[in-house]
Amino acid sequence: MSTSLQLGLQDSASYVMGQFHTFHDYAMAFIVFITILVLYALSLLTTAAPSFWKFTEKQQIELWWTISPSFILIALAVPSIRLLYWMDEGTNPDVTVKTIGHQWYWTYEIWDNQRIEVDSYMVHLEDIPQEGLPRLLEVDNRLVLPTNTDIRVITSSTDVIHAWCVPALGLKMDAVPGRLNQMYTNIDRPGIFYGQCSEICGANHSFMPIVVEAVKSPFFYIWCQNNTSEE
């Protein structure tokens, strides 16, 4: 989860989020270079002799600062399109979980040779059973998912638009009433990952957190057996 005075993105727990880290650092290199170049040009324009002004009006210079941004955009577009492909790449998922947004809590349905349904409400500060659990981020029923498994996440809503977002997994998708959106992930390590609804959905928008607990496959199937819905 995010921490006080944190710089940069949250630690990666999936391949896609790892690619986000790489692309972030790659794009930041361009941003820093362009910022320094523009500041340097501005300093020259404010302090240089009149001869420099004539130099900046030459056709070759105008051609250069028109074409060079095109190459920069291409250099950014190619890896970003590749990343978008990996985000939307559909596989044959081993586990499918449907997240349904309500005002103001989440319902999770999982199909894995059986049907599991749990409601996830925020745990209020006075009800948190342990010291050290994060304020406004802990829930009564965590979403348990297996590691090293292809997972499909389907989002929807019963009332207004919500957004299911877990930054450490590189997941963020709107939950729209009457519509199913999907995304894929493969969690590469066990852990507890926090997120929140990222769409302004009403008065208690800030009180519907998301907690994903990633465990190894045997523990996931034990959790499934303990939470199987009665049909």
Protein backbone atom coordinates (compact mmCIF):
# COMPACT_ATOMS: atom_id res chain seq x y z
CA MET A 1 0.00 0.00 0.00
CA SER A 2 1.02 3.64 -0.23
CA THR A 3 3.06 5.01 2.65
CA SER A 4 3.75 8.48 3.98
CA LEU A 5 6.31 10.47 1.94
CA GLN A 6 6.50 7.68 -0.64
CA LEU A 7 8.14 8.49 -3.95
CA GLY A 8 7.44 6.40 -7.04
CA LEU A 9 5.05 3.54 -7.63
CA GLN A 10 4.14 0.77 -5.23
CA ASP A 11 6.25 -2.39 -5.26
CA SER A 12 5.32 -4.68 -8.11
CA ALA A 13 3.52 -7.97 -7.47
CA SER A 14 2.69 -8.92 -11.07
CA TYR A 15 4.36 -8.92 -14.48
CA VAL A 16 2.20 -6.05 -15.75
CA MET A 17 3.03 -3.86 -12.76
CA GLY A 18 6.71 -4.63 -13.27
CA GLN A 19 6.35 -3.36 -16.83
CA PHE A 20 4.66 -0.22 -15.47
CA HIS A 21 7.76 0.40 -13.34
CA THR A 22 10.05 -0.02 -16.35
CA PHE A 23 7.98 2.24 -18.60
CA HIS A 24 7.67 4.86 -15.84
CA ASP A 25 11.45 5.11 -15.48
CA TYR A 26 11.89 5.09 -19.27
CA ALA A 27 9.37 7.94 -19.78
CA MET A 28 10.81 9.93 -16.87
CA ALA A 29 14.20 9.95 -18.60
CA PHE A 30 12.60 11.73 -21.59
CA ILE A 31 10.74 14.15 -19.32
CA VAL A 32 13.87 15.13 -17.40
CA PHE A 33 15.86 15.57 -20.64
CA ILE A 34 13.15 17.74 -22.26
CA THR A 35 12.72 19.84 -19.09
CA ILE A 36 16.47 20.54 -18.87
CA LEU A 37 16.67 21.33 -22.59
CA VAL A 38 13.73 23.78 -22.46
CA LEU A 39 15.06 25.52 -19.36
CA TYR A 40 18.47 25.84 -20.97
CA ALA A 41 16.93 27.30 -24.16
CA LEU A 42 14.88 29.77 -22.12
CA SER A 43 17.96 30.89 -20.23
CA LEU A 44 19.77 31.50 -23.51
CA LEU A 45 16.83 33.45 -24.92
CA THR A 46 16.73 35.75 -21.90
CA THR A 47 20.48 36.39 -21.70
CA ALA A 48 21.88 35.89 -25.19
CA ALA A 49 23.00 38.56 -27.62
CA PRO A 50 20.78 39.63 -30.57
CA SER A 51 22.79 37.33 -32.86
CA PHE A 52 21.38 34.33 -30.99
CA TRP A 53 17.84 35.47 -31.76
CA LYS A 54 18.62 35.38 -35.47
CA PHE A 55 20.09 31.89 -35.04
CA THR A 56 16.84 30.57 -33.48
CA GLU A 57 14.81 31.82 -36.44
CA LYS A 58 16.73 29.76 -39.01
CA GLN A 59 14.74 27.20 -41.01
CA GLN A 60 17.03 24.31 -39.95
CA ILE A 61 16.33 24.98 -36.28
CA GLU A 62 12.58 25.14 -36.85
CA LEU A 63 12.76 21.88 -38.79
CA TRP A 64 14.72 20.22 -35.98
CA TRP A 65 12.35 21.18 -33.16
CA THR A 66 9.38 20.06 -35.29
CA ILE A 67 10.76 16.64 -36.25
CA SER A 68 12.52 15.70 -32.99
CA PRO A 69 9.26 15.57 -30.94
CA SER A 70 7.90 13.10 -33.50
CA PHE A 71 10.77 10.72 -32.81
CA ILE A 72 10.24 11.15 -29.07
CA LEU A 73 6.55 10.28 -29.44
CA ILE A 74 7.44 7.17 -31.45
CA ALA A 75 9.98 6.13 -28.81
CA LEU A 76 7.24 6.43 -26.16
CA ALA A 77 4.43 4.93 -28.25
CA VAL A 78 6.10 1.61 -29.08
CA PRO A 79 6.66 0.39 -25.49
CA SER A 80 3.35 1.84 -24.30
CA ILE A 81 1.40 -0.03 -27.00
CA ARG A 82 3.24 -3.21 -26.02
CA LEU A 83 2.25 -2.62 -22.39
CA LEU A 84 -1.38 -2.02 -23.35
CA TYR A 85 -1.32 -5.32 -25.23
CA TRP A 86 -0.08 -7.19 -22.16
CA MET A 87 -2.76 -5.53 -20.03
CA ASP A 88 -5.55 -6.70 -22.36
CA GLU A 89 -4.03 -10.02 -23.42
CA GLY A 90 -6.71 -12.64 -22.95
CA THR A 91 -5.59 -16.07 -21.83
CA ASN A 92 -7.41 -19.18 -20.74
CA PRO A 93 -7.77 -18.23 -17.08
CA ASP A 94 -7.42 -20.82 -14.36
CA VAL A 95 -9.52 -18.70 -11.99
CA THR A 96 -12.23 -16.14 -12.74
CA VAL A 97 -13.35 -13.62 -10.15
CA LYS A 98 -16.23 -11.19 -10.61
CA THR A 99 -16.10 -7.98 -8.58
CA ILE A 100 -19.43 -6.21 -8.13
CA GLY A 101 -19.51 -2.68 -6.78
CA HIS A 102 -22.26 -1.49 -4.44
CA GLN A 103 -22.80 1.68 -2.45
CA TRP A 104 -20.53 1.16 -0.57
CA TYR A 105 -18.94 -2.29 -0.50
CA TRP A 106 -17.74 -5.02 -2.85
CA THR A 107 -19.10 -8.47 -3.64
CA TYR A 108 -16.74 -11.11 -5.00
CA GLU A 109 -17.87 -14.16 -6.95
CA ILE A 110 -15.35 -16.82 -7.88
CA TRP A 111 -15.77 -19.79 -10.20
CA ASP A 112 -13.31 -22.62 -9.82
CA ASN A 113 -15.29 -25.83 -10.25
CA GLN A 114 -17.55 -24.33 -7.59
CA ARG A 115 -19.22 -21.02 -6.78
CA ILE A 116 -17.97 -18.72 -4.03
CA GLU A 117 -19.54 -15.41 -3.06
CA VAL A 118 -18.38 -13.06 -0.30
CA ASP A 119 -19.24 -9.49 0.62
CA SER A 120 -16.36 -7.22 1.59
CA TYR A 121 -17.03 -4.25 3.90
CA MET A 122 -14.55 -1.81 5.35
CA VAL A 123 -13.55 -2.47 8.97
CA HIS A 124 -13.97 0.69 11.03
CA LEU A 125 -11.10 1.84 13.21
CA GLU A 126 -12.76 0.87 16.48
CA ASP A 127 -13.44 -2.64 15.15
CA ILE A 128 -9.93 -3.43 13.91
CA PRO A 129 -8.84 -6.47 15.93
CA GLN A 130 -5.08 -5.93 15.66
CA GLU A 131 -2.81 -2.97 16.08
CA GLY A 132 -0.88 -2.02 12.99
CA LEU A 133 -3.63 -2.74 10.46
CA PRO A 134 -4.10 0.20 8.08
CA ARG A 135 -6.84 2.69 8.81
CA LEU A 136 -9.68 2.84 6.25
CA LEU A 137 -8.07 0.05 4.19
CA GLU A 138 -8.84 -3.16 6.08
CA VAL A 139 -11.95 -5.22 5.25
CA ASP A 140 -13.89 -7.97 7.00
CA ASN A 141 -13.57 -10.42 4.07
CA ARG A 142 -10.45 -10.25 1.95
CA LEU A 143 -10.40 -11.47 -1.64
CA VAL A 144 -8.09 -14.49 -1.60
CA LEU A 145 -6.36 -15.31 -4.89
CA PRO A 146 -3.65 -17.84 -5.84
CA THR A 147 -0.14 -16.90 -6.92
CA ASN A 148 1.44 -17.95 -10.23
CA THR A 149 -2.02 -18.49 -11.71
CA ASP A 150 -3.69 -16.84 -14.70
CA ILE A 151 -6.60 -14.89 -13.23
CA ARG A 152 -9.40 -13.07 -15.03
CA VAL A 153 -11.10 -10.24 -13.13
CA ILE A 154 -14.57 -9.21 -14.33
CA THR A 155 -16.01 -5.95 -13.01
CA SER A 156 -19.57 -4.73 -12.84
CA SER A 157 -21.84 -2.65 -10.59
CA THR A 158 -25.40 -2.68 -9.29
CA ASP A 159 -25.93 1.07 -8.87
CA VAL A 160 -23.37 3.70 -9.98
CA ILE A 161 -19.95 3.58 -11.62
CA HIS A 162 -17.22 2.27 -9.33
CA ALA A 163 -13.61 1.40 -10.17
CA TRP A 164 -11.78 -1.66 -8.86
CA CYS A 165 -8.15 -0.70 -8.37
CA VAL A 166 -5.20 -2.53 -6.79
CA PRO A 167 -2.02 -0.58 -7.70
CA ALA A 168 0.52 -3.23 -6.67
CA LEU A 169 -1.05 -5.66 -9.16
CA GLY A 170 -1.35 -3.09 -11.94
CA LEU A 171 -5.14 -3.49 -11.97
CA LYS A 172 -7.69 -0.71 -12.47
CA MET A 173 -11.00 -1.10 -14.26
CA ASP A 174 -14.33 0.73 -14.09
CA ALA A 175 -17.29 -1.22 -12.73
CA VAL A 176 -20.21 -0.01 -14.85
CA PRO A 177 -23.86 -0.95 -14.18
CA GLY A 178 -25.20 -3.36 -16.81
CA ARG A 179 -21.78 -3.94 -18.34
CA LEU A 180 -18.95 -6.43 -17.84
CA ASN A 181 -15.36 -5.25 -18.13
CA GLN A 182 -12.44 -7.62 -17.75
CA MET A 183 -8.73 -7.59 -17.03
CA TYR A 184 -6.07 -10.23 -16.44
CA THR A 185 -3.32 -10.71 -13.91
CA ASN A 186 -0.84 -13.26 -12.62
CA ILE A 187 0.33 -12.53 -9.07
CA ASP A 188 3.98 -13.52 -8.73
CA ARG A 189 4.37 -13.53 -4.94
CA PRO A 190 2.28 -14.03 -1.80
CA GLY A 191 1.25 -10.94 0.11
CA ILE A 192 -1.55 -8.58 1.09
CA PHE A 193 -2.26 -5.84 -1.41
CA TYR A 194 -4.50 -2.85 -0.74
CA GLY A 195 -6.58 -0.77 -3.09
CA GLN A 196 -9.64 1.47 -3.12
CA CYS A 197 -12.54 2.42 -5.32
CA SER A 198 -11.07 4.93 -7.78
CA GLU A 199 -14.31 6.43 -9.08
CA ILE A 200 -16.26 9.07 -7.16
CA CYS A 201 -19.34 6.97 -6.37
CA GLY A 202 -21.13 8.88 -3.64
CA ALA A 203 -20.91 10.05 -0.04
CA ASN A 204 -19.02 6.99 1.22
CA HIS A 205 -16.74 6.66 -1.80
CA SER A 206 -13.65 6.76 0.40
CA PHE A 207 -14.94 3.94 2.61
CA MET A 208 -14.98 0.96 0.21
CA PRO A 209 -11.41 -0.38 0.23
CA ILE A 210 -10.10 -3.48 -1.56
CA VAL A 211 -7.83 -6.07 0.00
CA VAL A 212 -6.35 -8.91 -2.07
CA GLU A 213 -4.59 -11.64 -0.13
CA ALA A 214 -2.36 -13.66 -2.46
CA VAL A 215 -1.56 -17.17 -1.25
CA LYS A 216 -0.10 -20.31 -2.75
CA SER A 217 -2.52 -22.53 -4.66
CA PRO A 218 -3.08 -25.20 -1.93
CA PHE A 219 -4.15 -22.52 0.57
CA PHE A 220 -6.41 -20.93 -2.04
CA TYR A 221 -8.29 -24.19 -2.59
CA ILE A 222 -8.69 -24.62 1.17
CA TRP A 223 -10.18 -21.11 1.31
CA CYS A 224 -12.51 -22.03 -1.58
CA GLN A 225 -13.75 -25.11 0.26
CA ASN A 226 -14.44 -23.08 3.38
CA ASN A 227 -16.39 -20.43 1.48
CA THR A 228 -18.34 -22.48 -1.06
CA SER A 229 -21.83 -21.03 -1.51
CA GLU A 230 -24.76 -23.32 -0.95
CA GLU A 231 -26.82 -23.68 -4.13
